[in-house]
């Protein structure tokens, strides 16, 4: 059963799709995907559930989300197993990062549900009292990606329902398992039927039907910038609001006073997390010239020690990519860089001794590229780090910002003033100083420029999922108002 609509599993009507374990190349199961009629049913269920859920008290929604966090905790082992089986990421990462992070998100939004406050009531005109209400938007149509299926589902679902909305979520058809299990956990936690619905199918069929549906009030999407622009175009036809978390090409800026060992270890971890299939991953290292050679040497050494292989083996450091198609796309970037004269310091090959039908690729470090090179400017979304030198601080910051994207960045320095300048001058939604990747449920995540707009996590995300209403109440009871003089030539006596 691969659709979850109105509290129950059901089969989709859109035909069959093979779900592949990318670390083995073998079929896991056959999905019966959704079609536009299934989307209609899911939206209808969400629409019917909206009046009751939006009128639930903050305390009631909070209690339900606390129960959901507990249900996810009971299913933690199963969630981690499915996440690894469908994505190819290591079981260690699913167990220690993805699942506990999602449970923490649920716990945070359980608390945030009780703090949907507007501006305090007050008299901003002599004759009126004003106040601000936050109200749920309606049915949210969300689309989540394949790289972090459970966490991205949590980032979509939790703020939306905490604010009183209902939701229809389309996960990637490559990785739907943990999203469906999360919806089941929500039902078992007592969240009413229809509040959370999941439809699984191809983006051009199910995703577009969801975004353009007449009863969907808002669309939320995480994925590539190109598809995000398509979502925005479709949503604009109905004038609906959109929430977009799109691509990234995060700079990793190393100043000449940085701790080289800390920076090198940070660069390897931040470029290889989730196989580099992370829009916040470190992808462009800029190193001030005095440290360049030492940094490159140490990063290459550390990358060569990374164990690539069976994601269920606790000794494995990096699993597979999502598919052989995607692996070949990543390899194409490296092959073109090599043909253009770049230096592949380490990696740049499909590892030997692993199943040929699986989607593994080696950690890769590239030097000798120009700033306008494809591998520097375009999102590769794989275990690839480019390294370029810079001279002055001004040049380093200019290079860091020389990209259409602006999702995340980091700067490495022992100088407080340099760090503060970098945090101010770098154009990105998140800037780390002497670290790269950690996120918190309490802090917002979202981008600048072509990386989209809107925030995930934190109380800021609730602003995207609520309507702000000004309520103005007459407090003097006089039929004749001063402003009536704009219409009546003479005032009432």
Protein backbone atom coordinates (compact mmCIF):
# COMPACT_ATOMS: atom_id res chain seq x y z
CA UNK A 1 0.00 0.00 0.00
CA UNK A 2 1.77 3.11 -1.22
CA UNK A 3 -0.67 5.99 -0.70
CA UNK A 4 -1.84 7.27 2.69
CA UNK A 5 -5.13 9.12 2.34
CA UNK A 6 -7.61 10.05 5.06
CA UNK A 7 -5.93 7.86 7.68
CA UNK A 8 -5.65 4.69 5.59
CA UNK A 9 -3.28 3.02 3.18
CA UNK A 10 -4.43 2.34 -0.35
CA UNK A 11 -2.99 1.52 -3.75
CA UNK A 12 -2.47 4.20 -6.36
CA UNK A 13 -4.09 4.19 -9.76
CA UNK A 14 -1.13 5.44 -11.79
CA UNK A 15 0.62 2.19 -12.68
CA UNK A 16 3.67 0.45 -11.30
CA UNK A 17 7.16 1.64 -10.43
CA UNK A 18 10.14 -0.41 -9.25
CA UNK A 19 11.73 0.74 -6.00
CA UNK A 20 15.49 0.09 -6.19
CA UNK A 21 18.05 -0.20 -3.39
CA UNK A 22 20.85 1.93 -4.90
CA UNK A 23 23.54 0.17 -2.85
CA UNK A 24 22.71 -3.19 -4.43
CA UNK A 25 20.97 -2.26 -7.67
CA UNK A 26 18.22 -4.73 -6.80
CA UNK A 27 14.48 -4.15 -6.62
CA UNK A 28 13.07 -3.71 -3.12
CA UNK A 29 9.40 -3.72 -4.08
CA UNK A 30 6.93 -2.66 -6.74
CA UNK A 31 5.04 0.56 -6.07
CA UNK A 32 1.54 1.31 -7.30
CA UNK A 33 1.93 5.03 -7.86
CA UNK A 34 -0.73 7.71 -7.70
CA UNK A 35 -2.46 9.59 -10.50
CA UNK A 36 -4.37 12.87 -10.53
CA UNK A 37 -7.53 11.17 -9.23
CA UNK A 38 -5.62 10.02 -6.15
CA UNK A 39 -4.44 13.61 -5.67
CA UNK A 40 -8.07 14.76 -5.82
CA UNK A 41 -8.98 12.27 -3.09
CA UNK A 42 -6.06 13.31 -0.89
CA UNK A 43 -6.83 17.01 -1.24
CA UNK A 44 -10.51 16.36 -0.53
CA UNK A 45 -9.55 14.55 2.68
CA UNK A 46 -7.28 17.41 3.73
CA UNK A 47 -9.96 19.97 2.92
CA UNK A 48 -12.55 18.09 4.98
CA UNK A 49 -10.17 17.81 7.93
CA UNK A 50 -9.14 21.48 7.86
CA UNK A 51 -12.08 23.08 9.76
CA UNK A 52 -11.72 20.79 12.75
CA UNK A 53 -7.92 20.80 12.90
CA UNK A 54 -7.58 24.57 12.39
CA UNK A 55 -10.05 25.17 15.23
CA UNK A 56 -8.23 22.82 17.62
CA UNK A 57 -6.60 24.71 20.45
CA UNK A 58 -2.84 25.17 20.42
CA UNK A 59 -2.67 22.88 23.43
CA UNK A 60 -4.53 20.13 21.56
CA UNK A 61 -2.25 20.37 18.54
CA UNK A 62 0.78 20.44 20.83
CA UNK A 63 -0.30 17.29 22.63
CA UNK A 64 -0.82 15.49 19.33
CA UNK A 65 2.66 16.46 18.13
CA UNK A 66 4.22 15.28 21.39
CA UNK A 67 2.47 11.95 20.80
CA UNK A 68 3.81 11.88 17.24
CA UNK A 69 7.36 12.36 18.51
CA UNK A 70 6.85 9.42 20.85
CA UNK A 71 5.45 7.24 18.06
CA UNK A 72 8.43 8.08 15.84
CA UNK A 73 10.71 7.08 18.71
CA UNK A 74 9.02 3.67 18.90
CA UNK A 75 9.64 3.20 15.19
CA UNK A 76 13.20 4.56 15.18
CA UNK A 77 14.91 1.31 14.22
CA UNK A 78 12.45 0.60 11.41
CA UNK A 79 12.69 4.16 10.12
CA UNK A 80 16.49 3.98 9.99
CA UNK A 81 16.43 0.62 8.19
CA UNK A 82 13.99 1.82 5.52
CA UNK A 83 15.83 5.13 5.08
CA UNK A 84 19.09 3.31 4.38
CA UNK A 85 17.49 0.67 2.16
CA UNK A 86 15.89 3.26 -0.11
CA UNK A 87 18.60 5.95 -0.20
CA UNK A 88 21.87 4.00 0.06
CA UNK A 89 23.13 6.21 2.90
CA UNK A 90 24.88 4.53 5.80
CA UNK A 91 22.80 2.99 8.54
CA UNK A 92 24.99 4.91 10.97
CA UNK A 93 23.83 8.18 9.47
CA UNK A 94 20.18 7.16 9.41
CA UNK A 95 20.38 6.02 13.03
CA UNK A 96 22.45 8.87 14.46
CA UNK A 97 21.42 11.83 12.29
CA UNK A 98 18.24 11.50 10.24
CA UNK A 99 15.89 9.74 12.66
CA UNK A 100 16.81 11.55 15.91
CA UNK A 101 16.82 14.87 14.05
CA UNK A 102 13.28 14.26 12.83
CA UNK A 103 12.10 13.27 16.31
CA UNK A 104 13.66 16.45 17.70
CA UNK A 105 11.82 18.49 15.04
CA UNK A 106 8.54 16.95 16.20
CA UNK A 107 9.33 17.76 19.82
CA UNK A 108 10.20 21.35 18.92
CA UNK A 109 7.02 21.98 16.95
CA UNK A 110 4.96 20.44 19.73
CA UNK A 111 6.16 23.35 21.84
CA UNK A 112 5.99 25.92 19.04
CA UNK A 113 2.31 25.09 18.44
CA UNK A 114 1.52 26.84 21.72
CA UNK A 115 3.28 30.07 20.76
CA UNK A 116 1.38 31.22 17.68
CA UNK A 117 1.07 34.72 18.99
CA UNK A 118 0.27 37.97 17.22
CA UNK A 119 0.99 41.54 18.24
CA UNK A 120 -0.50 42.48 21.58
CA UNK A 121 -3.78 44.37 21.42
CA UNK A 122 -3.39 48.11 21.59
CA UNK A 123 -4.79 51.48 20.65
CA UNK A 124 -2.90 52.72 17.63
CA UNK A 125 -5.71 55.15 16.83
CA UNK A 126 -7.74 57.07 19.39
CA UNK A 127 -11.02 55.40 18.44
CA UNK A 128 -9.98 51.78 17.88
CA UNK A 129 -8.31 48.79 19.45
CA UNK A 130 -6.18 46.72 17.08
CA UNK A 131 -4.87 43.20 17.37
CA UNK A 132 -3.21 40.66 15.11
CA UNK A 133 -4.37 37.11 14.59
CA UNK A 134 -2.37 34.26 13.06
CA UNK A 135 -4.60 31.90 11.13
CA UNK A 136 -3.92 28.71 9.22
CA UNK A 137 -3.60 29.05 5.45
CA UNK A 138 -5.60 25.95 4.45
CA UNK A 139 -4.55 22.83 2.55
CA UNK A 140 -0.79 22.77 1.92
CA UNK A 141 0.53 20.88 -1.10
CA UNK A 142 4.13 19.89 -0.41
CA UNK A 143 6.81 18.09 -2.43
CA UNK A 144 9.89 16.66 -0.69
CA UNK A 145 13.14 15.29 -2.17
CA UNK A 146 14.95 11.95 -2.05
CA UNK A 147 18.15 12.94 -0.25
CA UNK A 148 16.69 13.21 3.28
CA UNK A 149 13.24 11.62 2.91
CA UNK A 150 12.29 11.50 6.59
CA UNK A 151 13.78 14.83 7.62
CA UNK A 152 12.38 16.69 4.64
CA UNK A 153 8.95 15.21 5.30
CA UNK A 154 9.25 16.41 8.89
CA UNK A 155 10.33 19.90 7.77
CA UNK A 156 7.23 20.09 5.55
CA UNK A 157 4.61 18.45 7.73
CA UNK A 158 5.42 19.66 11.24
CA UNK A 159 5.26 23.47 10.92
CA UNK A 160 2.26 23.20 8.61
CA UNK A 161 0.14 21.17 11.01
CA UNK A 162 1.46 22.93 14.12
CA UNK A 163 -0.03 26.12 12.65
CA UNK A 164 -3.39 24.41 12.05
CA UNK A 165 -3.10 23.56 8.36
CA UNK A 166 -3.71 20.19 6.77
CA UNK A 167 -1.31 18.77 4.21
CA UNK A 168 -0.89 16.56 1.17
CA UNK A 169 2.74 15.60 0.74
CA UNK A 170 4.33 14.04 -2.32
CA UNK A 171 7.66 12.41 -1.45
CA UNK A 172 10.04 11.25 -4.15
CA UNK A 173 8.89 8.00 -5.73
CA UNK A 174 12.47 6.79 -5.18
CA UNK A 175 12.25 7.02 -1.38
CA UNK A 176 8.67 7.06 -0.06
CA UNK A 177 8.94 4.52 2.75
CA UNK A 178 9.74 6.64 5.79
CA UNK A 179 7.29 9.38 4.79
CA UNK A 180 4.47 6.83 4.67
CA UNK A 181 5.57 5.42 8.02
CA UNK A 182 5.56 8.92 9.50
CA UNK A 183 1.97 9.43 8.33
CA UNK A 184 1.01 6.12 9.93
CA UNK A 185 2.72 7.17 13.17
CA UNK A 186 0.74 10.43 13.11
CA UNK A 187 -2.51 8.51 12.83
CA UNK A 188 -1.52 6.25 15.72
CA UNK A 189 -0.57 9.34 17.72
CA UNK A 190 -4.15 10.57 17.47
CA UNK A 191 -3.77 13.19 14.76
CA UNK A 192 -7.16 13.17 12.98
CA UNK A 193 -7.62 11.42 9.65
CA UNK A 194 -7.09 13.71 6.69
CA UNK A 195 -4.69 16.09 8.44
CA UNK A 196 -1.67 14.33 6.89
CA UNK A 197 -1.96 12.65 3.49
CA UNK A 198 0.80 11.15 1.33
CA UNK A 199 0.63 10.55 -2.41
CA UNK A 200 3.51 8.82 -4.18
CA UNK A 201 4.13 9.33 -7.88
CA UNK A 202 6.09 11.12 -10.55
CA UNK A 203 6.54 14.86 -10.27
CA UNK A 204 5.15 15.75 -13.68
CA UNK A 205 1.95 13.86 -12.92
CA UNK A 206 1.31 13.91 -9.18
CA UNK A 207 3.41 16.94 -8.27
CA UNK A 208 1.91 19.21 -10.91
CA UNK A 209 -1.62 18.00 -10.13
CA UNK A 210 -1.01 18.89 -6.50
CA UNK A 211 0.47 22.35 -7.13
CA UNK A 212 -2.30 23.33 -9.54
CA UNK A 213 -5.19 21.89 -7.53
CA UNK A 214 -7.99 24.40 -6.96
CA UNK A 215 -8.26 23.52 -3.26
CA UNK A 216 -4.55 23.80 -2.44
CA UNK A 217 -3.85 27.16 -0.83
CA UNK A 218 -0.04 27.00 -0.68
CA UNK A 219 2.77 24.97 -2.22
CA UNK A 220 6.01 24.03 -0.50
CA UNK A 221 8.88 22.46 -2.42
CA UNK A 222 12.43 21.33 -1.70
CA UNK A 223 14.60 20.37 -4.64
CA UNK A 224 16.44 21.78 -7.61
CA UNK A 225 16.25 25.43 -8.59
CA UNK A 226 14.99 24.54 -12.07
CA UNK A 227 12.04 22.56 -10.71
CA UNK A 228 11.42 25.23 -8.07
CA UNK A 229 10.96 27.80 -10.79
CA UNK A 230 8.47 25.49 -12.47
CA UNK A 231 6.56 25.14 -9.18
CA UNK A 232 6.49 28.93 -8.81
CA UNK A 233 5.21 29.31 -12.36
CA UNK A 234 2.40 26.81 -11.80
CA UNK A 235 1.40 28.27 -8.43
CA UNK A 236 1.33 31.80 -9.86
CA UNK A 237 -1.56 30.86 -12.13
CA UNK A 238 -3.80 30.73 -9.05
CA UNK A 239 -1.92 33.42 -7.13
CA UNK A 240 -0.94 30.92 -4.43
CA UNK A 241 1.97 31.49 -2.11
CA UNK A 242 5.03 29.27 -2.40
CA UNK A 243 7.76 28.16 -0.02
CA UNK A 244 10.95 27.07 -1.81
CA UNK A 245 14.17 25.53 -0.51
CA UNK A 246 16.26 25.05 -3.64
CA UNK A 247 19.80 24.28 -4.76
CA UNK A 248 23.06 25.28 -3.16
CA UNK A 249 26.75 25.59 -3.94
CA UNK A 250 28.16 26.28 -0.51
CA UNK A 251 31.54 28.03 -0.25
CA UNK A 252 34.06 26.88 2.37
CA UNK A 253 36.31 29.87 3.01
CA UNK A 254 39.64 29.22 4.75
CA UNK A 255 41.61 32.28 5.87
CA UNK A 256 45.38 32.14 6.39
CA UNK A 257 45.13 32.12 10.20
CA UNK A 258 42.78 29.11 10.30
CA UNK A 259 43.52 25.81 12.04
CA UNK A 260 44.39 23.72 8.96
CA UNK A 261 43.63 20.39 10.61
CA UNK A 262 40.20 21.56 11.80
CA UNK A 263 39.42 23.07 8.40
CA UNK A 264 40.54 19.97 6.49
CA UNK A 265 38.53 17.61 8.67
CA UNK A 266 35.53 19.93 8.44
CA UNK A 267 35.81 20.09 4.66
CA UNK A 268 35.90 16.32 4.24
CA UNK A 269 32.96 15.74 6.58
CA UNK A 270 30.93 18.60 5.10
CA UNK A 271 31.56 17.65 1.47
CA UNK A 272 30.90 13.92 1.92
CA UNK A 273 27.90 13.95 4.24
CA UNK A 274 25.09 11.95 2.65
CA UNK A 275 27.42 11.25 -0.27
CA UNK A 276 27.53 14.99 -0.98
CA UNK A 277 23.82 14.83 -1.84
CA UNK A 278 23.05 17.75 0.43
CA UNK A 279 22.26 21.26 -0.76
CA UNK A 280 24.21 22.69 2.19
CA UNK A 281 27.26 20.46 1.63
CA UNK A 282 30.64 22.15 1.26
CA UNK A 283 31.35 22.16 -2.47
CA UNK A 284 33.70 25.11 -3.18
CA UNK A 285 36.74 25.43 -0.91
CA UNK A 286 38.57 28.75 -1.19
CA UNK A 287 41.87 28.73 0.68
CA UNK A 288 44.08 31.73 1.27
CA UNK A 289 47.29 31.06 -0.62
CA UNK A 290 49.71 30.49 2.31
CA UNK A 291 47.60 27.51 3.48
CA UNK A 292 46.52 26.17 0.08
CA UNK A 293 49.04 23.36 -0.38
CA UNK A 294 48.79 22.13 3.20
CA UNK A 295 45.00 22.14 3.08
CA UNK A 296 44.82 20.26 -0.24
CA UNK A 297 47.34 17.67 0.93
CA UNK A 298 45.48 16.99 4.18
CA UNK A 299 42.03 16.88 2.57
CA UNK A 300 43.29 14.40 -0.04
CA UNK A 301 44.81 12.26 2.69
CA UNK A 302 41.60 12.21 4.73
CA UNK A 303 39.40 11.53 1.69
CA UNK A 304 41.55 8.56 0.71
CA UNK A 305 40.89 7.03 4.14
CA UNK A 306 37.09 7.15 3.76
CA UNK A 307 35.57 3.68 3.43
CA UNK A 308 32.95 3.46 0.68
CA UNK A 309 30.73 0.40 0.57
CA UNK A 310 27.85 -1.52 2.11
CA UNK A 311 25.79 1.08 4.00
CA UNK A 312 24.64 -1.48 6.56
CA UNK A 313 28.24 -2.25 7.60
CA UNK A 314 29.15 -0.19 10.69
CA UNK A 315 32.68 0.21 9.30
CA UNK A 316 31.40 2.01 6.18
CA UNK A 317 31.84 5.79 6.13
CA UNK A 318 29.97 6.59 2.91
CA UNK A 319 27.29 4.59 1.15
CA UNK A 320 26.00 4.86 -2.38
CA UNK A 321 24.44 7.69 -4.32
CA UNK A 322 20.71 7.58 -5.04
CA UNK A 323 20.89 5.86 -8.45
CA UNK A 324 23.27 4.82 -11.19
CA UNK A 325 21.76 7.55 -13.34
CA UNK A 326 22.73 10.15 -10.77
CA UNK A 327 26.16 8.53 -10.26
CA UNK A 328 26.81 8.83 -13.99
CA UNK A 329 25.74 12.48 -13.88
CA UNK A 330 28.27 13.15 -11.11
CA UNK A 331 30.96 11.24 -13.01
CA UNK A 332 30.23 13.37 -16.08
CA UNK A 333 31.20 16.54 -14.19
CA UNK A 334 34.51 14.97 -13.19
CA UNK A 335 35.24 13.62 -16.63
CA UNK A 336 34.64 17.02 -18.22
CA UNK A 337 36.81 18.75 -15.62
CA UNK A 338 39.60 16.25 -16.24
CA UNK A 339 39.33 16.73 -20.00
CA UNK A 340 39.59 20.48 -19.45
CA UNK A 341 42.91 20.16 -17.67
CA UNK A 342 41.80 20.10 -14.01
CA UNK A 343 43.82 18.10 -11.49
CA UNK A 344 41.88 15.25 -9.88
CA UNK A 345 43.86 15.09 -6.64
CA UNK A 346 42.03 12.05 -5.35
CA UNK A 347 38.98 10.04 -6.37
CA UNK A 348 37.19 10.71 -9.60
CA UNK A 349 36.43 7.03 -10.21
CA UNK A 350 33.81 4.39 -9.54
CA UNK A 351 35.27 2.30 -6.68
CA UNK A 352 36.42 -1.20 -7.49
CA UNK A 353 35.18 -4.31 -5.70
CA UNK A 354 31.59 -3.12 -5.34
CA UNK A 355 28.52 -4.24 -7.32
CA UNK A 356 28.67 -2.76 -10.82
CA UNK A 357 24.90 -2.24 -10.80
CA UNK A 358 25.09 -0.19 -7.58
CA UNK A 359 25.54 3.59 -7.42
CA UNK A 360 28.86 4.11 -5.64
CA UNK A 361 31.32 6.90 -6.41
CA UNK A 362 34.61 7.78 -4.74
CA UNK A 363 35.26 10.94 -2.67
CA UNK A 364 36.80 13.44 -5.06
CA UNK A 365 38.99 16.53 -4.69
CA UNK A 366 39.68 18.77 -7.69
CA UNK A 367 42.17 21.62 -8.12
CA UNK A 368 43.30 23.65 -11.12
CA UNK A 369 39.84 24.94 -12.02
CA UNK A 370 38.91 28.48 -12.97
CA UNK A 371 36.17 30.29 -11.04
CA UNK A 372 33.83 30.10 -14.03
CA UNK A 373 34.34 26.35 -14.53
CA UNK A 374 31.24 24.16 -14.65
CA UNK A 375 32.31 22.14 -11.59
CA UNK A 376 32.72 25.34 -9.58
CA UNK A 377 29.48 27.02 -10.64
CA UNK A 378 26.96 24.19 -11.08
CA UNK A 379 25.44 21.97 -8.40
CA UNK A 380 27.02 18.51 -8.75
CA UNK A 381 25.21 16.95 -5.76
CA UNK A 382 27.82 14.30 -5.16
CA UNK A 383 30.98 13.64 -3.10
CA UNK A 384 33.03 16.30 -4.88
CA UNK A 385 34.98 19.25 -3.47
CA UNK A 386 36.76 21.83 -5.61
CA UNK A 387 39.66 23.81 -4.12
CA UNK A 388 40.80 27.24 -5.38
CA UNK A 389 43.34 29.68 -3.86
CA UNK A 390 42.75 33.35 -3.08
CA UNK A 391 44.96 36.19 -1.93
CA UNK A 392 43.18 39.03 -0.11
CA UNK A 393 40.20 38.78 2.23
CA UNK A 394 38.22 40.90 -0.22
CA UNK A 395 38.93 38.46 -3.02
CA UNK A 396 37.95 35.46 -0.91
CA UNK A 397 34.61 36.98 0.03
CA UNK A 398 33.98 38.04 -3.56
CA UNK A 399 34.62 34.47 -4.78
CA UNK A 400 32.39 33.02 -2.08
CA UNK A 401 29.51 35.18 -3.29
CA UNK A 402 30.19 34.58 -6.99
CA UNK A 403 27.38 32.08 -7.51
CA UNK A 404 23.65 32.21 -8.26
CA UNK A 405 23.04 30.28 -5.03
CA UNK A 406 22.92 31.42 -1.42
CA UNK A 407 21.85 28.62 0.87
CA UNK A 408 24.81 27.99 3.17
CA UNK A 409 28.49 28.83 3.64
CA UNK A 410 31.28 28.64 6.19
CA UNK A 411 34.38 30.63 7.09
CA UNK A 412 37.39 29.32 8.98
CA UNK A 413 39.52 31.72 11.00
CA UNK A 414 40.88 32.32 14.52
CA UNK A 415 40.34 36.08 14.12
CA UNK A 416 37.04 37.25 15.58
CA UNK A 417 36.85 40.30 13.32
CA UNK A 418 37.40 38.18 10.19
CA UNK A 419 34.70 35.78 11.29
CA UNK A 420 32.23 38.54 11.99
CA UNK A 421 32.93 40.18 8.64
CA UNK A 422 32.42 36.87 6.84
CA UNK A 423 29.13 36.24 8.65
CA UNK A 424 27.93 39.66 7.49
CA UNK A 425 29.31 39.77 3.93
CA UNK A 426 28.58 36.25 2.73
CA UNK A 427 25.21 36.12 0.97
CA UNK A 428 23.67 32.94 2.35
CA UNK A 429 20.84 31.91 4.62
CA UNK A 430 23.22 30.15 7.01
CA UNK A 431 26.88 30.98 7.68
CA UNK A 432 28.93 28.79 9.99
CA UNK A 433 32.19 29.98 11.55
CA UNK A 434 34.74 27.19 12.11
CA UNK A 435 32.15 24.51 11.37
CA UNK A 436 29.91 23.46 8.50
CA UNK A 437 26.61 21.45 8.51
CA UNK A 438 25.13 21.39 12.06
CA UNK A 439 21.50 22.52 12.25
CA UNK A 440 19.10 23.03 15.10
CA UNK A 441 15.33 22.74 15.30
CA UNK A 442 15.29 26.12 17.03
CA UNK A 443 17.13 27.92 14.22
CA UNK A 444 15.80 28.77 10.72
CA UNK A 445 17.04 27.17 7.52
CA UNK A 446 16.48 28.75 4.11
CA UNK A 447 18.24 30.53 1.30
CA UNK A 448 19.06 33.71 -0.54
CA UNK A 449 19.07 34.30 -4.30
CA UNK A 450 18.42 31.19 -6.44
CA UNK A 451 18.36 29.02 -3.32
CA UNK A 452 14.74 30.03 -2.70
CA UNK A 453 12.82 31.76 0.06
CA UNK A 454 10.92 30.84 3.18
CA UNK A 455 12.27 29.12 6.27
CA UNK A 456 12.24 25.54 7.49
CA UNK A 457 12.45 24.67 11.19
CA UNK A 458 12.31 27.25 14.01
CA UNK A 459 9.42 29.54 14.87
CA UNK A 460 10.20 31.54 11.71
CA UNK A 461 8.78 28.71 9.60
CA UNK A 462 5.38 29.27 11.20
CA UNK A 463 5.29 32.70 9.53
CA UNK A 464 5.24 30.95 6.15
CA UNK A 465 2.36 28.67 7.17
CA UNK A 466 0.06 31.29 8.68
CA UNK A 467 -1.98 34.22 7.44
CA UNK A 468 -1.61 37.43 9.40
CA UNK A 469 -4.92 39.19 10.02
CA UNK A 470 -5.38 42.68 11.44
CA UNK A 471 -8.56 42.98 13.52
CA UNK A 472 -9.66 46.59 14.28
CA UNK A 473 -12.48 47.26 16.75
CA UNK A 474 -14.29 50.54 17.30
CA UNK A 475 -14.03 51.47 20.98
CA UNK A 476 -16.00 54.75 21.18
CA UNK A 477 -19.39 53.85 19.74
CA UNK A 478 -19.91 57.10 17.78
CA UNK A 479 -21.73 56.88 14.43
CA UNK A 480 -19.85 59.88 13.06
CA UNK A 481 -16.09 59.37 12.56
CA UNK A 482 -13.48 61.98 11.76
CA UNK A 483 -12.47 60.17 8.58
CA UNK A 484 -16.08 60.35 7.28
CA UNK A 485 -15.24 63.87 6.18
CA UNK A 486 -13.55 62.38 3.13
CA UNK A 487 -17.06 61.47 1.90
CA UNK A 488 -19.56 63.77 3.65
CA UNK A 489 -19.19 67.50 2.96
CA UNK A 490 -20.69 68.39 6.30
CA UNK A 491 -20.30 66.61 9.59
CA UNK A 492 -23.34 65.15 11.34
CA UNK A 493 -24.58 67.52 14.07
